Amino acid sequence: MHRLVQEHPTTSVKMLFLEDKNLDMRRYNAPTLCTEVAAIFVGDNGEPPANRDICVYPVGNTCQSISPLNQCCDPMTYTLRFPRVECSWNTGMEHVEERRTAKRTRVTQLQYYAYRLSQRNGFSILHSSGKLLHQYIVDAYVKTKGSRLHFLRQNQKDLQIELYRGRLDALECREHNEIIRTGKLIILPSSFQGSPRHMQQNYQDAMTMVRKFGKPDFFLTFTCNPSWSEILNCMEGVQRPEDRPDIIMCVLNMKLKELLEDICKHGIFGIVLEYNYVIEFQKRGLPHAHIFLTLDSESKIRTKDDIDKFVSAELPDPCTELRLFQIVTKCMVHDPMWNYLYIKNAYVDAKSGRI
């Protein structure tokens, strides 16, 4: 882009964010000044484009388009990441198992990037590149998702979408009633993570467990803490926790498994019949997990004394429980400004009659 502007100074480059009033602005609001990296797609009807337009400007030649699956795409995009211009993932990459049989297996795109993002001994250019690491992770995610969507788009017959007769009839009825013009119909399987069918399937599974075991008894929120010693010990030089999202997710996953083990195996709340949890990634916050717990009849909360055993709305005694007092005051108490805003919003809601 810099070379293009130098060759054509009169070229005007703009990036516009258009808001659709029919969308939820809490989810699709325009980004503000922040330190995060995101991928922006420009497609039809909010859908990502089928092919990414990646152009290369060789010295002395005209513009050339290359595929994101090209093994030279990453070295030309991240020159600091590939100082020796080594090739990245390609469709024919294989892995040779260190056994007597020397069995060869195909390496998927997801496996390749997971291997590259793993932390090893010694200095790593990728993990020390700051925001370039964020861009590399987002780009790898986009490529992996794009490859999966391309496979589903090209193999609709093998997926036997004609069996979804009810869904096809519903789409045709909507097209007739709303007088809309649809393009080529592509149906995503419920196994594709993030698709509406995948989310609906998870919701139905959770409701099935509620019908069988009853309503949940506990709702827990487990938030990642950037001050965990496991995270800080992995920082090198002037790195900060926000510079290493890979470390944050690894530590959160280990802590979450340990918490679930204490709840389900050690029974700190009682005997657990079933549990559900989901990990959320907010746009300007650390990842956190929401956990639902359903206890058996003997462990359910029935009296106020049972509530006091697990829930406390008071600050711990700094004389007898100093460590717990420091954790609560540091992580669970808002500053005066947040308390003022909370009281003000509560007053406005009460005055307007809202709950």
Protein backbone atom coordinates (compact mmCIF):
# COMPACT_ATOMS: atom_id res chain seq x y z
CA MET A 1 0.00 0.00 0.00
CA HIS A 2 2.86 2.39 0.81
CA ARG A 3 4.50 1.71 -2.56
CA LEU A 4 1.17 2.20 -4.35
CA VAL A 5 0.63 5.61 -2.73
CA GLN A 6 4.18 6.65 -3.60
CA GLU A 7 3.72 5.74 -7.26
CA HIS A 8 0.29 7.40 -7.44
CA PRO A 9 0.26 10.33 -4.98
CA THR A 10 -3.23 11.36 -6.06
CA THR A 11 -4.70 8.04 -4.93
CA SER A 12 -7.13 8.48 -2.06
CA VAL A 13 -7.45 5.59 0.40
CA LYS A 14 -10.34 5.52 2.86
CA MET A 15 -11.84 3.07 5.34
CA LEU A 16 -15.52 3.57 6.14
CA PHE A 17 -17.68 1.90 8.78
CA LEU A 18 -21.35 1.85 7.85
CA GLU A 19 -23.94 1.18 10.53
CA ASP A 20 -27.11 -0.76 9.86
CA LYS A 21 -29.99 0.32 12.11
CA ASN A 22 -31.46 -3.18 11.97
CA LEU A 23 -28.42 -4.66 13.72
CA ASP A 24 -27.73 -4.72 17.45
CA MET A 25 -25.35 -1.81 17.98
CA ARG A 26 -24.04 -3.37 21.20
CA ARG A 27 -22.55 -6.12 19.05
CA TYR A 28 -21.90 -4.42 15.71
CA ASN A 29 -20.85 -0.99 16.96
CA ALA A 30 -17.98 0.78 15.23
CA PRO A 31 -14.57 0.19 16.86
CA THR A 32 -12.96 2.93 18.90
CA LEU A 33 -9.34 3.65 19.72
CA CYS A 34 -7.99 0.52 21.41
CA THR A 35 -4.98 -1.77 21.38
CA GLU A 36 -6.71 -4.81 19.86
CA VAL A 37 -6.38 -6.28 16.37
CA ALA A 38 -9.39 -7.44 14.37
CA ALA A 39 -10.21 -8.65 10.87
CA ILE A 40 -12.69 -6.64 8.77
CA PHE A 41 -14.57 -8.28 5.92
CA VAL A 42 -16.42 -6.43 3.19
CA GLY A 43 -19.05 -8.76 1.77
CA ASP A 44 -22.66 -8.88 0.62
CA ASN A 45 -25.44 -8.87 3.23
CA GLY A 46 -22.96 -9.08 6.07
CA GLU A 47 -21.46 -12.35 4.85
CA PRO A 48 -17.67 -12.75 4.45
CA PRO A 49 -16.44 -12.90 0.85
CA ALA A 50 -15.67 -16.26 -0.68
CA ASN A 51 -12.12 -15.25 -1.72
CA ARG A 52 -9.69 -12.81 -0.12
CA ASP A 53 -8.13 -10.27 -2.41
CA ILE A 54 -4.39 -10.44 -1.59
CA CYS A 55 -2.26 -8.48 -4.03
CA VAL A 56 1.51 -8.44 -4.45
CA TYR A 57 3.43 -5.64 -6.15
CA PRO A 58 6.77 -7.05 -7.39
CA VAL A 59 9.41 -4.43 -8.17
CA GLY A 60 9.10 -3.46 -11.82
CA ASN A 61 5.99 -5.59 -12.44
CA THR A 62 2.26 -5.08 -12.29
CA CYS A 63 -0.08 -6.14 -9.50
CA GLN A 64 -0.48 -9.89 -9.01
CA SER A 65 -3.12 -11.65 -6.93
CA ILE A 66 -2.20 -14.70 -4.87
CA SER A 67 -4.29 -17.16 -2.91
CA PRO A 68 -4.24 -17.06 0.91
CA LEU A 69 -3.40 -20.79 0.74
CA ASN A 70 -0.19 -20.05 -1.13
CA GLN A 71 2.86 -21.10 0.89
CA CYS A 72 4.54 -17.78 0.04
CA CYS A 73 1.68 -15.67 1.43
CA ASP A 74 2.88 -15.59 5.04
CA PRO A 75 6.59 -14.90 4.25
CA MET A 76 5.62 -11.96 2.02
CA THR A 77 3.14 -10.60 4.57
CA TYR A 78 5.26 -11.04 7.72
CA THR A 79 8.82 -10.43 6.62
CA LEU A 80 10.05 -10.05 10.22
CA ARG A 81 8.42 -13.36 11.14
CA PHE A 82 10.14 -15.21 8.28
CA PRO A 83 13.64 -13.69 8.05
CA ARG A 84 14.93 -16.67 6.06
CA VAL A 85 11.94 -16.60 3.71
CA GLU A 86 10.96 -20.13 4.64
CA CYS A 87 7.66 -21.36 3.22
CA SER A 88 4.55 -21.67 5.38
CA TRP A 89 1.70 -24.19 5.26
CA ASN A 90 0.66 -25.72 1.95
CA THR A 91 -1.95 -28.29 0.96
CA GLY A 92 0.65 -31.03 0.49
CA MET A 93 2.42 -30.67 3.83
CA GLU A 94 2.89 -33.98 5.64
CA HIS A 95 4.11 -35.07 9.06
CA VAL A 96 6.34 -38.11 9.48
CA GLU A 97 5.77 -39.92 12.77
CA GLU A 98 8.95 -40.92 14.57
CA ARG A 99 8.23 -44.64 14.53
CA ARG A 100 9.55 -47.67 12.72
CA THR A 101 6.72 -47.49 10.22
CA ALA A 102 7.51 -43.84 9.37
CA LYS A 103 3.82 -43.24 8.77
CA ARG A 104 3.01 -40.01 6.92
CA THR A 105 -0.06 -37.99 7.86
CA ARG A 106 -1.45 -34.84 6.31
CA VAL A 107 -0.96 -31.67 8.35
CA THR A 108 -4.06 -29.49 8.49
CA GLN A 109 -3.97 -25.73 8.49
CA LEU A 110 -5.14 -25.61 12.11
CA GLN A 111 -2.43 -28.05 13.23
CA TYR A 112 0.25 -26.03 11.46
CA TYR A 113 -0.67 -22.74 13.13
CA ALA A 114 -1.09 -24.44 16.51
CA TYR A 115 2.46 -25.77 16.09
CA ARG A 116 3.81 -22.32 15.18
CA LEU A 117 2.09 -20.64 18.12
CA SER A 118 3.44 -23.11 20.69
CA GLN A 119 6.03 -21.69 23.07
CA ARG A 120 9.43 -23.41 23.07
CA ASN A 121 12.81 -22.86 24.65
CA GLY A 122 14.93 -20.07 23.28
CA PHE A 123 14.14 -16.75 21.68
CA SER A 124 11.08 -16.56 19.44
CA ILE A 125 10.68 -13.74 16.94
CA LEU A 126 6.94 -14.35 16.63
CA HIS A 127 6.15 -14.26 20.36
CA SER A 128 8.27 -11.13 20.83
CA SER A 129 6.66 -9.11 18.03
CA GLY A 130 3.86 -7.46 20.05
CA LYS A 131 0.92 -6.41 17.89
CA LEU A 132 2.37 -8.32 14.94
CA LEU A 133 1.67 -11.51 16.91
CA HIS A 134 -1.96 -10.42 17.28
CA GLN A 135 -2.21 -9.79 13.56
CA TYR A 136 -0.64 -13.16 12.78
CA ILE A 137 -3.13 -14.97 15.06
CA VAL A 138 -6.12 -13.15 13.57
CA ASP A 139 -4.88 -13.82 10.05
CA ALA A 140 -4.38 -17.51 10.84
CA TYR A 141 -7.90 -17.70 12.27
CA VAL A 142 -9.37 -16.06 9.18
CA LYS A 143 -7.50 -18.43 6.87
CA THR A 144 -8.57 -21.51 8.82
CA LYS A 145 -12.22 -20.46 8.93
CA GLY A 146 -12.11 -19.45 5.27
CA SER A 147 -10.75 -22.86 4.29
CA ARG A 148 -13.53 -24.62 6.19
CA LEU A 149 -16.19 -22.43 4.60
CA HIS A 150 -14.71 -23.06 1.17
CA PHE A 151 -14.81 -26.82 1.76
CA LEU A 152 -18.45 -26.66 2.85
CA ARG A 153 -19.31 -24.48 -0.13
CA GLN A 154 -17.75 -26.93 -2.58
CA ASN A 155 -19.04 -30.15 -0.97
CA GLN A 156 -22.72 -29.47 -0.42
CA LYS A 157 -23.72 -32.66 -2.27
CA ASP A 158 -21.46 -34.83 -0.13
CA LEU A 159 -23.00 -33.26 3.00
CA GLN A 160 -26.46 -34.31 1.72
CA ILE A 161 -28.15 -30.98 2.29
CA GLU A 162 -31.19 -32.24 0.40
CA LEU A 163 -32.12 -34.06 3.60
CA TYR A 164 -32.80 -30.69 5.26
CA ARG A 165 -36.12 -30.43 3.49
CA GLY A 166 -37.88 -28.53 6.25
CA ARG A 167 -35.16 -25.89 6.39
CA LEU A 168 -35.20 -25.44 2.62
CA ASP A 169 -38.98 -25.04 2.62
CA ALA A 170 -38.75 -22.40 5.35
CA LEU A 171 -36.18 -20.41 3.37
CA GLU A 172 -38.28 -20.59 0.21
CA CYS A 173 -41.36 -19.44 2.13
CA ARG A 174 -39.46 -16.52 3.62
CA GLU A 175 -38.18 -15.59 0.17
CA HIS A 176 -41.74 -15.57 -1.18
CA ASN A 177 -43.29 -13.61 1.71
CA GLU A 178 -40.59 -10.97 2.07
CA ILE A 179 -40.00 -10.67 -1.68
CA ILE A 180 -36.26 -11.06 -1.33
CA ARG A 181 -33.82 -12.31 -3.85
CA THR A 182 -31.49 -15.02 -2.61
CA GLY A 183 -28.31 -16.24 -4.23
CA LYS A 184 -26.80 -19.67 -4.07
CA LEU A 185 -27.97 -21.54 -0.98
CA ILE A 186 -25.18 -22.75 1.30
CA ILE A 187 -26.13 -24.69 4.44
CA LEU A 188 -23.59 -24.98 7.25
CA PRO A 189 -23.61 -28.16 9.34
CA SER A 190 -24.21 -27.95 13.08
CA SER A 191 -20.59 -29.04 13.64
CA PHE A 192 -19.30 -25.72 12.26
CA GLN A 193 -18.47 -23.66 15.36
CA GLY A 194 -20.04 -20.22 15.49
CA SER A 195 -22.82 -20.97 13.02
CA PRO A 196 -26.47 -20.36 14.04
CA ARG A 197 -27.17 -24.11 13.87
CA HIS A 198 -24.22 -24.83 16.15
CA MET A 199 -25.43 -22.32 18.73
CA GLN A 200 -29.00 -23.59 18.48
CA GLN A 201 -27.82 -27.17 18.98
CA ASN A 202 -25.86 -26.22 22.10
CA TYR A 203 -28.90 -24.39 23.43
CA GLN A 204 -31.15 -27.39 22.84
CA ASP A 205 -28.62 -29.69 24.54
CA ALA A 206 -28.54 -27.41 27.59
CA MET A 207 -32.35 -27.25 27.75
CA THR A 208 -32.51 -31.05 27.54
CA MET A 209 -30.25 -31.32 30.59
CA VAL A 210 -32.42 -28.78 32.43
CA ARG A 211 -35.55 -30.82 31.70
CA LYS A 212 -33.86 -33.96 32.99
CA PHE A 213 -32.01 -32.66 36.07
CA GLY A 214 -33.95 -29.49 36.88
CA LYS A 215 -33.02 -25.83 37.03
CA PRO A 216 -29.40 -24.87 37.82
CA ASP A 217 -28.57 -24.04 41.44
CA PHE A 218 -25.36 -22.04 40.92
CA PHE A 219 -24.26 -19.50 38.33
CA LEU A 220 -20.52 -18.86 38.51
CA THR A 221 -18.40 -16.39 36.55
CA PHE A 222 -14.72 -17.27 36.29
CA THR A 223 -12.63 -14.40 34.88
CA CYS A 224 -9.02 -14.47 33.78
CA ASN A 225 -6.70 -12.41 35.97
CA PRO A 226 -3.68 -10.88 34.15
CA SER A 227 -1.83 -10.75 37.50
CA TRP A 228 -1.70 -14.54 37.86
CA SER A 229 1.86 -15.63 38.58
CA GLU A 230 1.66 -18.27 35.82
CA ILE A 231 1.11 -15.48 33.28
CA LEU A 232 3.63 -13.00 34.67
CA ASN A 233 6.37 -15.63 34.87
CA CYS A 234 6.07 -16.24 31.12
CA MET A 235 6.57 -12.60 30.20
CA GLU A 236 9.94 -11.73 28.68
CA GLY A 237 11.55 -8.31 28.72
CA VAL A 238 8.98 -5.51 28.45
CA GLN A 239 6.11 -7.80 27.50
CA ARG A 240 2.72 -7.27 29.11
CA PRO A 241 -0.10 -9.84 29.49
CA GLU A 242 -2.08 -8.30 26.63
CA ASP A 243 0.89 -9.00 24.33
CA ARG A 244 0.55 -12.77 24.83
CA PRO A 245 -3.03 -13.95 24.22
CA ASP A 246 -1.72 -17.49 23.74
CA ILE A 247 -0.35 -17.59 27.31
CA ILE A 248 -3.54 -16.07 28.70
CA MET A 249 -5.71 -18.75 27.11
CA CYS A 250 -3.45 -21.61 28.17
CA VAL A 251 -3.42 -20.46 31.80
CA LEU A 252 -7.17 -19.80 31.80
CA ASN A 253 -7.81 -23.29 30.44
CA MET A 254 -5.68 -24.90 33.15
CA LYS A 255 -7.28 -22.83 35.90
CA LEU A 256 -10.77 -23.61 34.61
CA LYS A 257 -10.07 -27.35 34.56
CA GLU A 258 -8.76 -27.15 38.12
CA LEU A 259 -11.88 -25.26 39.23
CA LEU A 260 -14.20 -27.81 37.60
CA GLU A 261 -12.25 -30.62 39.25
CA ASP A 262 -12.72 -29.00 42.68
CA ILE A 263 -16.43 -28.56 42.01
CA CYS A 264 -17.27 -31.92 40.43
CA LYS A 265 -14.78 -34.36 42.01
CA HIS A 266 -14.02 -32.78 45.37
CA GLY A 267 -17.60 -31.54 45.84
CA ILE A 268 -16.95 -28.13 47.38
CA PHE A 269 -20.61 -27.21 46.72
CA GLY A 270 -22.01 -30.73 47.10
CA ILE A 271 -22.78 -33.51 44.67
CA VAL A 272 -23.01 -32.12 41.11
CA LEU A 273 -25.46 -33.82 38.76
CA GLU A 274 -24.56 -31.82 35.65
CA TYR A 275 -22.78 -28.65 34.61
CA ASN A 276 -22.53 -26.43 31.55
CA TYR A 277 -20.07 -23.69 30.79
CA VAL A 278 -19.20 -21.33 27.97
CA ILE A 279 -16.13 -19.15 27.46
CA GLU A 280 -16.75 -15.62 26.22
CA PHE A 281 -14.30 -13.22 24.59
CA GLN A 282 -15.31 -9.61 25.04
CA LYS A 283 -14.02 -6.97 22.68
CA ARG A 284 -12.29 -4.96 25.39
CA GLY A 285 -11.85 -7.46 28.20
CA LEU A 286 -10.19 -10.69 29.21
CA PRO A 287 -11.85 -14.05 28.49
CA HIS A 288 -14.17 -15.39 31.14
CA ALA A 289 -16.32 -18.48 31.68
CA HIS A 290 -19.96 -18.70 32.75
CA ILE A 291 -20.73 -21.95 34.60
CA PHE A 292 -24.11 -23.47 35.50
CA LEU A 293 -24.24 -26.12 38.23
CA THR A 294 -27.12 -28.43 39.14
CA LEU A 295 -26.86 -30.18 42.51
CA ASP A 296 -28.68 -33.24 43.83
CA SER A 297 -31.61 -32.92 46.21
CA GLU A 298 -29.48 -33.30 49.36
CA SER A 299 -27.01 -30.57 48.33
CA LYS A 300 -29.52 -27.94 47.13
CA ILE A 301 -29.75 -24.56 48.83
CA ARG A 302 -32.94 -24.38 50.90
CA THR A 303 -32.32 -22.02 53.83
CA LYS A 304 -30.51 -18.75 54.40
CA ASP A 305 -27.81 -20.60 56.34
CA ASP A 306 -27.07 -22.64 53.22
CA ILE A 307 -26.66 -19.40 51.25
CA ASP A 308 -24.28 -17.94 53.83
CA LYS A 309 -22.01 -20.98 53.45
CA PHE A 310 -21.27 -20.19 49.80
CA VAL A 311 -22.22 -16.53 49.19
CA SER A 312 -20.91 -13.53 51.10
CA ALA A 313 -21.63 -9.84 50.53
CA GLU A 314 -19.24 -8.63 53.22
CA LEU A 315 -15.54 -7.88 53.15
CA PRO A 316 -13.47 -10.59 54.86
CA ASP A 317 -11.84 -9.77 58.17
CA PRO A 318 -8.33 -8.42 57.39
CA CYS A 319 -7.05 -9.74 60.73
CA THR A 320 -8.05 -13.38 60.30
CA GLU A 321 -8.30 -13.63 56.49
CA LEU A 322 -5.78 -11.14 55.16
CA ARG A 323 -5.11 -12.89 51.81
CA LEU A 324 -8.82 -13.24 51.03
CA PHE A 325 -9.38 -9.60 52.04
CA GLN A 326 -6.67 -8.45 49.60
CA ILE A 327 -8.10 -10.54 46.75
CA VAL A 328 -11.65 -9.28 47.26
CA THR A 329 -10.72 -5.61 47.59
CA LYS A 330 -8.44 -5.78 44.54
CA CYS A 331 -10.56 -7.84 42.13
CA MET A 332 -14.19 -7.51 43.26
CA VAL A 333 -14.60 -3.92 44.45
CA HIS A 334 -15.16 -1.14 41.95
CA ASP A 335 -13.64 2.29 42.29
CA PRO A 336 -15.80 5.24 43.47
CA MET A 337 -16.56 6.34 39.89
CA TRP A 338 -18.03 2.96 38.97
CA ASN A 339 -20.07 2.93 42.19
CA TYR A 340 -21.42 6.40 41.34
CA LEU A 341 -22.42 5.31 37.83
CA TYR A 342 -24.06 2.15 39.16
CA ILE A 343 -26.13 4.10 41.73
CA LYS A 344 -27.03 6.73 39.11
CA ASN A 345 -28.23 4.12 36.59
CA ALA A 346 -30.19 2.32 39.31
CA TYR A 347 -31.88 5.60 40.25
CA VAL A 348 -32.77 6.37 36.63
CA ASP A 349 -34.18 2.87 36.12
CA ALA A 350 -36.22 3.09 39.31
CA LYS A 351 -37.55 6.51 38.36
CA SER A 352 -38.62 5.33 34.93
CA GLY A 353 -40.26 2.20 36.33
CA ARG A 354 -37.80 -0.25 34.80
CA ILE A 355 -36.34 -3.18 36.70
